[in-house]
N, C-alpha and C. Protein backbone atom coordinates (compact mmCIF):
# COMPACT_ATOMS: atom_id res chain seq x y z
N MET A 1 19.93 53.70 -17.88
CA MET A 1 19.71 54.63 -16.79
C MET A 1 18.46 55.46 -17.08
N LYS A 2 17.62 55.63 -16.07
CA LYS A 2 16.41 56.43 -16.22
C LYS A 2 16.77 57.91 -16.36
N ARG A 3 15.95 58.62 -17.12
CA ARG A 3 16.16 60.06 -17.22
C ARG A 3 15.79 60.69 -15.87
N PRO A 4 16.43 61.78 -15.51
CA PRO A 4 16.12 62.42 -14.23
C PRO A 4 14.72 63.04 -14.26
N ALA A 5 14.10 63.14 -13.10
CA ALA A 5 12.81 63.81 -12.98
C ALA A 5 12.99 65.29 -13.27
N ILE A 6 14.06 65.85 -12.75
CA ILE A 6 14.40 67.26 -12.99
C ILE A 6 15.84 67.33 -13.45
N ASP A 7 16.06 68.05 -14.54
CA ASP A 7 17.40 68.20 -15.09
C ASP A 7 17.64 69.68 -15.40
N VAL A 8 18.47 70.31 -14.59
CA VAL A 8 18.80 71.73 -14.73
C VAL A 8 20.23 71.81 -15.23
N CYS A 9 20.42 72.45 -16.39
CA CYS A 9 21.75 72.51 -17.00
C CYS A 9 22.16 73.95 -17.29
N GLY A 10 23.17 74.43 -16.58
CA GLY A 10 23.74 75.75 -16.85
C GLY A 10 22.77 76.90 -16.71
N VAL A 11 21.82 76.79 -15.78
CA VAL A 11 20.78 77.81 -15.64
C VAL A 11 21.30 79.04 -14.91
N SER A 12 21.05 80.19 -15.52
CA SER A 12 21.32 81.48 -14.89
C SER A 12 20.05 82.30 -14.95
N LYS A 13 19.90 83.19 -13.97
CA LYS A 13 18.76 84.10 -13.96
C LYS A 13 19.23 85.46 -13.50
N VAL A 14 18.98 86.46 -14.33
CA VAL A 14 19.34 87.84 -14.02
C VAL A 14 18.07 88.67 -14.05
N PHE A 15 17.85 89.45 -13.01
CA PHE A 15 16.73 90.39 -12.96
C PHE A 15 17.29 91.78 -13.21
N GLU A 16 16.70 92.49 -14.15
CA GLU A 16 17.14 93.85 -14.48
C GLU A 16 16.03 94.82 -14.11
N SER A 17 16.40 95.95 -13.54
CA SER A 17 15.43 96.99 -13.22
C SER A 17 16.08 98.35 -13.36
N ASP A 18 15.33 99.39 -13.11
CA ASP A 18 15.87 100.75 -13.17
C ASP A 18 16.97 100.97 -12.14
N THR A 19 16.91 100.19 -11.06
CA THR A 19 17.89 100.38 -9.98
C THR A 19 19.13 99.51 -10.13
N GLY A 20 19.13 98.63 -11.14
CA GLY A 20 20.32 97.82 -11.36
C GLY A 20 20.01 96.41 -11.76
N ARG A 21 21.02 95.60 -11.65
CA ARG A 21 20.98 94.22 -12.10
C ARG A 21 21.24 93.30 -10.91
N VAL A 22 20.43 92.22 -10.80
CA VAL A 22 20.63 91.24 -9.74
C VAL A 22 20.80 89.87 -10.39
N GLU A 23 21.92 89.26 -10.12
CA GLU A 23 22.17 87.91 -10.62
C GLU A 23 21.68 86.93 -9.55
N ALA A 24 20.52 86.35 -9.79
CA ALA A 24 19.92 85.44 -8.81
C ALA A 24 20.51 84.04 -8.89
N LEU A 25 20.83 83.60 -10.11
CA LEU A 25 21.41 82.26 -10.32
C LEU A 25 22.52 82.37 -11.36
N ARG A 26 23.59 81.60 -11.16
CA ARG A 26 24.68 81.58 -12.13
C ARG A 26 25.11 80.14 -12.37
N ASP A 27 24.90 79.69 -13.61
CA ASP A 27 25.39 78.39 -14.08
C ASP A 27 25.04 77.26 -13.11
N VAL A 28 23.76 77.13 -12.78
CA VAL A 28 23.29 76.08 -11.86
C VAL A 28 23.07 74.79 -12.63
N ASN A 29 23.59 73.71 -12.08
CA ASN A 29 23.40 72.37 -12.63
C ASN A 29 22.85 71.48 -11.52
N LEU A 30 21.79 70.76 -11.83
CA LEU A 30 21.14 69.90 -10.83
C LEU A 30 20.40 68.80 -11.55
N GLN A 31 20.59 67.57 -11.09
CA GLN A 31 19.81 66.45 -11.58
C GLN A 31 19.16 65.78 -10.39
N VAL A 32 17.83 65.60 -10.49
CA VAL A 32 17.08 64.93 -9.44
C VAL A 32 16.50 63.65 -10.04
N PRO A 33 16.94 62.50 -9.53
CA PRO A 33 16.43 61.23 -10.06
C PRO A 33 14.93 61.04 -9.77
N GLN A 34 14.29 60.21 -10.57
CA GLN A 34 12.89 59.86 -10.34
C GLN A 34 12.74 59.28 -8.93
N GLY A 35 11.68 59.68 -8.22
CA GLY A 35 11.34 59.10 -6.93
C GLY A 35 12.16 59.58 -5.75
N VAL A 36 12.99 60.59 -5.93
CA VAL A 36 13.86 61.09 -4.87
C VAL A 36 13.27 62.38 -4.29
N PHE A 37 13.32 62.52 -2.98
CA PHE A 37 12.86 63.72 -2.28
C PHE A 37 14.07 64.60 -2.05
N VAL A 38 13.98 65.85 -2.48
CA VAL A 38 15.11 66.78 -2.39
C VAL A 38 14.67 68.06 -1.72
N CYS A 39 15.50 68.60 -0.85
CA CYS A 39 15.28 69.92 -0.25
C CYS A 39 16.35 70.86 -0.77
N VAL A 40 15.94 72.04 -1.18
CA VAL A 40 16.89 73.07 -1.59
C VAL A 40 17.02 74.01 -0.40
N VAL A 41 18.21 74.08 0.16
CA VAL A 41 18.45 74.83 1.39
C VAL A 41 19.53 75.88 1.14
N GLY A 42 19.34 77.04 1.72
CA GLY A 42 20.35 78.08 1.60
C GLY A 42 19.87 79.36 2.25
N PRO A 43 20.75 80.32 2.39
CA PRO A 43 20.37 81.58 3.04
C PRO A 43 19.38 82.38 2.19
N SER A 44 18.71 83.30 2.83
CA SER A 44 17.78 84.18 2.14
C SER A 44 18.49 84.91 1.00
N GLY A 45 17.84 84.92 -0.16
CA GLY A 45 18.40 85.64 -1.29
C GLY A 45 19.38 84.87 -2.14
N CYS A 46 19.56 83.58 -1.89
CA CYS A 46 20.57 82.83 -2.65
C CYS A 46 20.03 82.26 -3.96
N GLY A 47 18.72 82.39 -4.22
CA GLY A 47 18.18 81.93 -5.50
C GLY A 47 17.30 80.69 -5.43
N LYS A 48 17.00 80.21 -4.23
CA LYS A 48 16.17 79.00 -4.11
C LYS A 48 14.82 79.18 -4.79
N THR A 49 14.14 80.27 -4.47
CA THR A 49 12.82 80.51 -5.04
C THR A 49 12.91 80.74 -6.54
N SER A 50 13.92 81.45 -6.99
CA SER A 50 14.09 81.66 -8.44
C SER A 50 14.25 80.33 -9.16
N LEU A 51 15.05 79.44 -8.60
CA LEU A 51 15.24 78.12 -9.21
C LEU A 51 13.93 77.34 -9.25
N MET A 52 13.18 77.34 -8.15
CA MET A 52 11.92 76.61 -8.11
C MET A 52 10.89 77.22 -9.07
N ARG A 53 10.88 78.53 -9.18
CA ARG A 53 9.97 79.19 -10.12
C ARG A 53 10.31 78.85 -11.56
N ILE A 54 11.58 78.69 -11.87
CA ILE A 54 11.99 78.30 -13.22
C ILE A 54 11.58 76.85 -13.49
N VAL A 55 11.86 75.96 -12.56
CA VAL A 55 11.49 74.55 -12.72
C VAL A 55 9.96 74.42 -12.84
N GLY A 56 9.21 75.23 -12.08
CA GLY A 56 7.76 75.16 -12.09
C GLY A 56 7.09 75.94 -13.20
N ASP A 57 7.85 76.50 -14.12
CA ASP A 57 7.34 77.24 -15.27
C ASP A 57 6.64 78.55 -14.88
N LEU A 58 7.09 79.15 -13.80
CA LEU A 58 6.56 80.46 -13.41
C LEU A 58 7.51 81.58 -13.82
N GLU A 59 8.70 81.22 -14.22
CA GLU A 59 9.75 82.18 -14.59
C GLU A 59 10.62 81.51 -15.65
N ALA A 60 11.14 82.28 -16.57
CA ALA A 60 12.04 81.74 -17.60
C ALA A 60 13.48 81.99 -17.18
N PRO A 61 14.38 81.06 -17.46
CA PRO A 61 15.79 81.32 -17.16
C PRO A 61 16.35 82.34 -18.14
N THR A 62 17.35 83.08 -17.71
CA THR A 62 18.05 83.98 -18.62
C THR A 62 18.88 83.16 -19.60
N SER A 63 19.47 82.08 -19.11
CA SER A 63 20.21 81.15 -19.97
C SER A 63 20.16 79.77 -19.34
N GLY A 64 20.50 78.77 -20.14
CA GLY A 64 20.49 77.39 -19.66
C GLY A 64 19.18 76.70 -20.02
N THR A 65 19.12 75.42 -19.65
CA THR A 65 17.93 74.62 -19.97
C THR A 65 17.43 73.88 -18.74
N VAL A 66 16.13 73.63 -18.74
CA VAL A 66 15.48 72.85 -17.68
C VAL A 66 14.57 71.83 -18.35
N ARG A 67 14.61 70.62 -17.85
CA ARG A 67 13.71 69.56 -18.30
C ARG A 67 13.06 68.94 -17.06
N VAL A 68 11.77 68.68 -17.18
CA VAL A 68 11.02 68.00 -16.13
C VAL A 68 10.42 66.76 -16.80
N ASN A 69 10.83 65.60 -16.34
CA ASN A 69 10.43 64.34 -16.98
C ASN A 69 10.73 64.36 -18.49
N GLY A 70 11.86 64.96 -18.84
CA GLY A 70 12.28 65.01 -20.23
C GLY A 70 11.62 66.09 -21.07
N LYS A 71 10.74 66.88 -20.45
CA LYS A 71 10.01 67.92 -21.18
C LYS A 71 10.41 69.30 -20.67
N LEU A 72 10.16 70.31 -21.49
CA LEU A 72 10.30 71.67 -21.01
C LEU A 72 9.30 71.89 -19.88
N PRO A 73 9.61 72.75 -18.91
CA PRO A 73 8.68 72.96 -17.78
C PRO A 73 7.26 73.30 -18.21
N GLY A 74 7.08 74.12 -19.25
CA GLY A 74 5.74 74.46 -19.71
C GLY A 74 4.99 73.26 -20.23
N GLU A 75 5.68 72.37 -20.93
CA GLU A 75 5.06 71.14 -21.43
C GLU A 75 4.66 70.22 -20.28
N ALA A 76 5.54 70.10 -19.28
CA ALA A 76 5.24 69.26 -18.11
C ALA A 76 4.07 69.82 -17.33
N ARG A 77 4.00 71.16 -17.22
CA ARG A 77 2.87 71.78 -16.52
C ARG A 77 1.57 71.53 -17.26
N LYS A 78 1.58 71.72 -18.57
CA LYS A 78 0.37 71.50 -19.36
C LYS A 78 -0.07 70.04 -19.33
N ALA A 79 0.89 69.13 -19.19
CA ALA A 79 0.57 67.70 -19.09
C ALA A 79 0.19 67.32 -17.65
N ARG A 80 0.19 68.31 -16.77
CA ARG A 80 -0.14 68.13 -15.35
C ARG A 80 0.84 67.17 -14.65
N GLU A 81 2.09 67.24 -15.05
CA GLU A 81 3.12 66.43 -14.42
C GLU A 81 3.81 67.16 -13.29
N ILE A 82 3.62 68.48 -13.20
CA ILE A 82 4.18 69.27 -12.12
C ILE A 82 3.14 70.27 -11.64
N GLY A 83 3.35 70.76 -10.44
CA GLY A 83 2.50 71.79 -9.88
C GLY A 83 3.29 72.59 -8.88
N VAL A 84 2.70 73.64 -8.39
CA VAL A 84 3.38 74.54 -7.47
C VAL A 84 2.50 74.78 -6.25
N VAL A 85 3.11 74.70 -5.08
CA VAL A 85 2.47 75.12 -3.84
C VAL A 85 3.24 76.35 -3.38
N PHE A 86 2.56 77.48 -3.28
CA PHE A 86 3.23 78.73 -2.97
C PHE A 86 3.61 78.80 -1.50
N GLN A 87 4.58 79.66 -1.18
CA GLN A 87 5.02 79.82 0.20
C GLN A 87 3.91 80.33 1.09
N SER A 88 3.06 81.18 0.55
CA SER A 88 1.90 81.69 1.28
C SER A 88 0.66 81.15 0.60
N PRO A 89 -0.36 80.79 1.38
CA PRO A 89 -1.57 80.26 0.77
C PRO A 89 -2.17 81.24 -0.24
N ALA A 90 -2.61 80.71 -1.34
CA ALA A 90 -3.23 81.53 -2.38
C ALA A 90 -4.73 81.25 -2.39
N LEU A 91 -5.42 81.68 -1.34
CA LEU A 91 -6.84 81.43 -1.19
C LEU A 91 -7.64 82.71 -1.44
N LEU A 92 -8.86 82.54 -1.89
CA LEU A 92 -9.74 83.66 -2.15
C LEU A 92 -10.61 83.92 -0.92
N GLY A 93 -10.55 85.13 -0.39
CA GLY A 93 -11.20 85.47 0.87
C GLY A 93 -12.70 85.35 0.88
N TRP A 94 -13.35 85.46 -0.26
CA TRP A 94 -14.81 85.42 -0.30
C TRP A 94 -15.34 84.00 -0.47
N ARG A 95 -14.43 83.02 -0.53
CA ARG A 95 -14.83 81.62 -0.66
C ARG A 95 -14.55 80.87 0.63
N THR A 96 -15.33 79.84 0.90
CA THR A 96 -15.08 78.99 2.06
C THR A 96 -13.87 78.11 1.76
N VAL A 97 -13.41 77.37 2.78
CA VAL A 97 -12.30 76.44 2.60
C VAL A 97 -12.64 75.46 1.48
N GLU A 98 -13.82 74.87 1.54
CA GLU A 98 -14.22 73.90 0.51
C GLU A 98 -14.30 74.54 -0.87
N GLU A 99 -14.84 75.72 -0.96
CA GLU A 99 -14.92 76.41 -2.25
C GLU A 99 -13.54 76.71 -2.82
N ASN A 100 -12.60 77.06 -1.95
CA ASN A 100 -11.22 77.27 -2.41
C ASN A 100 -10.61 75.97 -2.91
N VAL A 101 -10.86 74.87 -2.20
CA VAL A 101 -10.31 73.57 -2.61
C VAL A 101 -10.90 73.14 -3.95
N ARG A 102 -12.18 73.41 -4.18
CA ARG A 102 -12.85 73.00 -5.42
C ARG A 102 -12.53 73.90 -6.62
N LEU A 103 -12.03 75.09 -6.39
CA LEU A 103 -11.86 76.07 -7.46
C LEU A 103 -11.08 75.55 -8.68
N PRO A 104 -9.92 74.93 -8.51
CA PRO A 104 -9.19 74.47 -9.70
C PRO A 104 -10.00 73.51 -10.56
N GLY A 105 -10.75 72.63 -9.92
CA GLY A 105 -11.59 71.70 -10.68
C GLY A 105 -12.69 72.41 -11.42
N GLN A 106 -13.24 73.47 -10.81
CA GLN A 106 -14.27 74.25 -11.49
C GLN A 106 -13.68 74.96 -12.69
N VAL A 107 -12.50 75.54 -12.52
CA VAL A 107 -11.85 76.25 -13.62
C VAL A 107 -11.52 75.28 -14.75
N LEU A 108 -11.06 74.06 -14.39
CA LEU A 108 -10.68 73.07 -15.38
C LEU A 108 -11.86 72.24 -15.88
N ASN A 109 -13.07 72.51 -15.35
CA ASN A 109 -14.29 71.77 -15.70
C ASN A 109 -14.10 70.28 -15.49
N ASP A 110 -13.60 69.91 -14.31
CA ASP A 110 -13.31 68.53 -13.94
C ASP A 110 -14.52 67.94 -13.24
N SER A 111 -15.18 66.98 -13.85
CA SER A 111 -16.42 66.41 -13.31
C SER A 111 -16.19 65.60 -12.04
N HIS A 112 -14.98 65.20 -11.76
CA HIS A 112 -14.69 64.38 -10.58
C HIS A 112 -14.18 65.20 -9.40
N VAL A 113 -14.19 66.51 -9.52
CA VAL A 113 -13.55 67.35 -8.51
C VAL A 113 -14.22 67.26 -7.14
N ALA A 114 -15.54 67.11 -7.06
CA ALA A 114 -16.22 67.10 -5.76
C ALA A 114 -15.71 65.97 -4.87
N ALA A 115 -15.66 64.76 -5.39
CA ALA A 115 -15.18 63.63 -4.60
C ALA A 115 -13.71 63.79 -4.27
N ARG A 116 -12.93 64.26 -5.22
CA ARG A 116 -11.51 64.45 -4.98
C ARG A 116 -11.27 65.56 -3.97
N ALA A 117 -12.09 66.61 -4.00
CA ALA A 117 -11.94 67.71 -3.04
C ALA A 117 -12.20 67.21 -1.63
N ARG A 118 -13.24 66.43 -1.44
CA ARG A 118 -13.54 65.88 -0.10
C ARG A 118 -12.39 65.00 0.38
N GLU A 119 -11.86 64.18 -0.51
CA GLU A 119 -10.73 63.31 -0.15
C GLU A 119 -9.52 64.14 0.27
N MET A 120 -9.23 65.21 -0.49
CA MET A 120 -8.09 66.06 -0.17
C MET A 120 -8.28 66.79 1.15
N VAL A 121 -9.48 67.23 1.42
CA VAL A 121 -9.78 67.91 2.69
C VAL A 121 -9.48 66.96 3.85
N ARG A 122 -9.86 65.70 3.71
CA ARG A 122 -9.56 64.70 4.76
C ARG A 122 -8.05 64.48 4.89
N THR A 123 -7.37 64.36 3.76
CA THR A 123 -5.94 64.07 3.76
C THR A 123 -5.12 65.12 4.51
N VAL A 124 -5.46 66.39 4.35
CA VAL A 124 -4.66 67.45 4.97
C VAL A 124 -5.20 67.91 6.31
N GLY A 125 -6.27 67.28 6.80
CA GLY A 125 -6.73 67.53 8.16
C GLY A 125 -7.55 68.79 8.37
N VAL A 126 -8.33 69.20 7.38
CA VAL A 126 -9.21 70.36 7.58
C VAL A 126 -10.69 69.95 7.58
N VAL A 127 -10.95 68.67 7.88
CA VAL A 127 -12.33 68.19 7.99
C VAL A 127 -13.01 68.97 9.11
N GLY A 128 -14.25 69.38 8.85
CA GLY A 128 -15.00 70.16 9.82
C GLY A 128 -14.88 71.66 9.59
N LEU A 129 -13.94 72.04 8.74
CA LEU A 129 -13.72 73.46 8.45
C LEU A 129 -14.15 73.82 7.03
N GLU A 130 -14.76 72.87 6.33
CA GLU A 130 -15.06 73.07 4.91
C GLU A 130 -15.93 74.29 4.63
N GLN A 131 -16.88 74.58 5.52
CA GLN A 131 -17.82 75.68 5.27
C GLN A 131 -17.39 76.99 5.93
N VAL A 132 -16.20 76.99 6.51
CA VAL A 132 -15.68 78.17 7.18
C VAL A 132 -14.92 79.03 6.16
N GLY A 133 -15.03 80.33 6.30
CA GLY A 133 -14.24 81.23 5.46
C GLY A 133 -12.77 81.09 5.82
N TRP A 134 -11.89 81.25 4.84
CA TRP A 134 -10.45 81.05 5.09
C TRP A 134 -9.93 81.99 6.17
N TYR A 135 -10.54 83.17 6.32
CA TYR A 135 -10.10 84.15 7.31
C TYR A 135 -10.32 83.69 8.74
N ALA A 136 -11.18 82.68 8.92
CA ALA A 136 -11.53 82.22 10.28
C ALA A 136 -10.71 81.00 10.71
N VAL A 137 -9.79 80.56 9.89
CA VAL A 137 -8.98 79.39 10.25
C VAL A 137 -7.53 79.81 10.46
N THR A 138 -6.78 78.97 11.15
CA THR A 138 -5.38 79.27 11.44
C THR A 138 -4.54 79.24 10.17
N SER A 139 -3.35 79.80 10.24
CA SER A 139 -2.47 79.81 9.08
C SER A 139 -2.09 78.39 8.66
N VAL A 140 -1.98 77.48 9.61
CA VAL A 140 -1.69 76.08 9.29
C VAL A 140 -2.83 75.49 8.48
N HIS A 141 -4.08 75.77 8.89
CA HIS A 141 -5.22 75.27 8.15
C HIS A 141 -5.35 75.96 6.79
N ARG A 142 -4.95 77.22 6.71
CA ARG A 142 -4.98 77.90 5.41
C ARG A 142 -4.04 77.20 4.43
N GLN A 143 -2.84 76.90 4.90
CA GLN A 143 -1.89 76.19 4.04
C GLN A 143 -2.45 74.81 3.71
N GLY A 144 -3.08 74.17 4.69
CA GLY A 144 -3.70 72.86 4.45
C GLY A 144 -4.77 72.92 3.38
N ALA A 145 -5.55 74.00 3.35
CA ALA A 145 -6.58 74.16 2.33
C ALA A 145 -5.97 74.50 0.98
N ASP A 146 -4.84 75.17 0.98
CA ASP A 146 -4.19 75.56 -0.27
C ASP A 146 -3.57 74.36 -0.97
N VAL A 147 -2.99 73.44 -0.22
CA VAL A 147 -2.32 72.28 -0.81
C VAL A 147 -3.26 71.45 -1.66
N PRO A 148 -4.46 71.05 -1.17
CA PRO A 148 -5.32 70.24 -2.05
C PRO A 148 -5.81 71.00 -3.26
N SER A 149 -6.02 72.29 -3.14
CA SER A 149 -6.47 73.04 -4.32
C SER A 149 -5.39 73.02 -5.39
N ARG A 150 -4.11 73.12 -5.01
CA ARG A 150 -3.02 73.03 -5.98
C ARG A 150 -2.94 71.61 -6.55
N ARG A 151 -3.11 70.61 -5.67
CA ARG A 151 -3.03 69.22 -6.12
C ARG A 151 -4.16 68.91 -7.09
N LEU A 152 -5.36 69.40 -6.82
CA LEU A 152 -6.47 69.16 -7.73
C LEU A 152 -6.21 69.82 -9.08
N ALA A 153 -5.57 70.97 -9.07
CA ALA A 153 -5.24 71.64 -10.33
C ALA A 153 -4.23 70.83 -11.13
N ASP A 154 -3.40 70.06 -10.43
CA ASP A 154 -2.37 69.27 -11.08
C ASP A 154 -2.89 67.92 -11.56
N GLY A 155 -4.12 67.59 -11.24
CA GLY A 155 -4.69 66.32 -11.70
C GLY A 155 -4.39 65.27 -10.72
């Protein structure tokens, strides 16, 4: 049997603050097989984002373990096996759409980023908007510009 793409075992997450304690996740178990598309659905505040942030190595669990392709989330992220697309576009206002798409490659010093950026711009349907500032495009196009920049960062 193949190892799962995502393996969450007994994960809990508690947030503590001056105003009290919030238990976002309690003893969550989830296995996602390789090649399977999964949606995490639930009411606001049920822990969906906390779980995704833990799997994506943006947050540590309070207890339990997570493996992505058999690795800890941080190892999978460093190996560029996972990436994150945020709920709201994470674009820089002083850069054009194309400059935002190219940014991860520039940060990572990726010599192939220019061709890959153009390809990604075509894939998500923002062709013709490359030289426009992100503030001048619709929210759908902003998200479209954000997706390839995250994908380029992931390799």
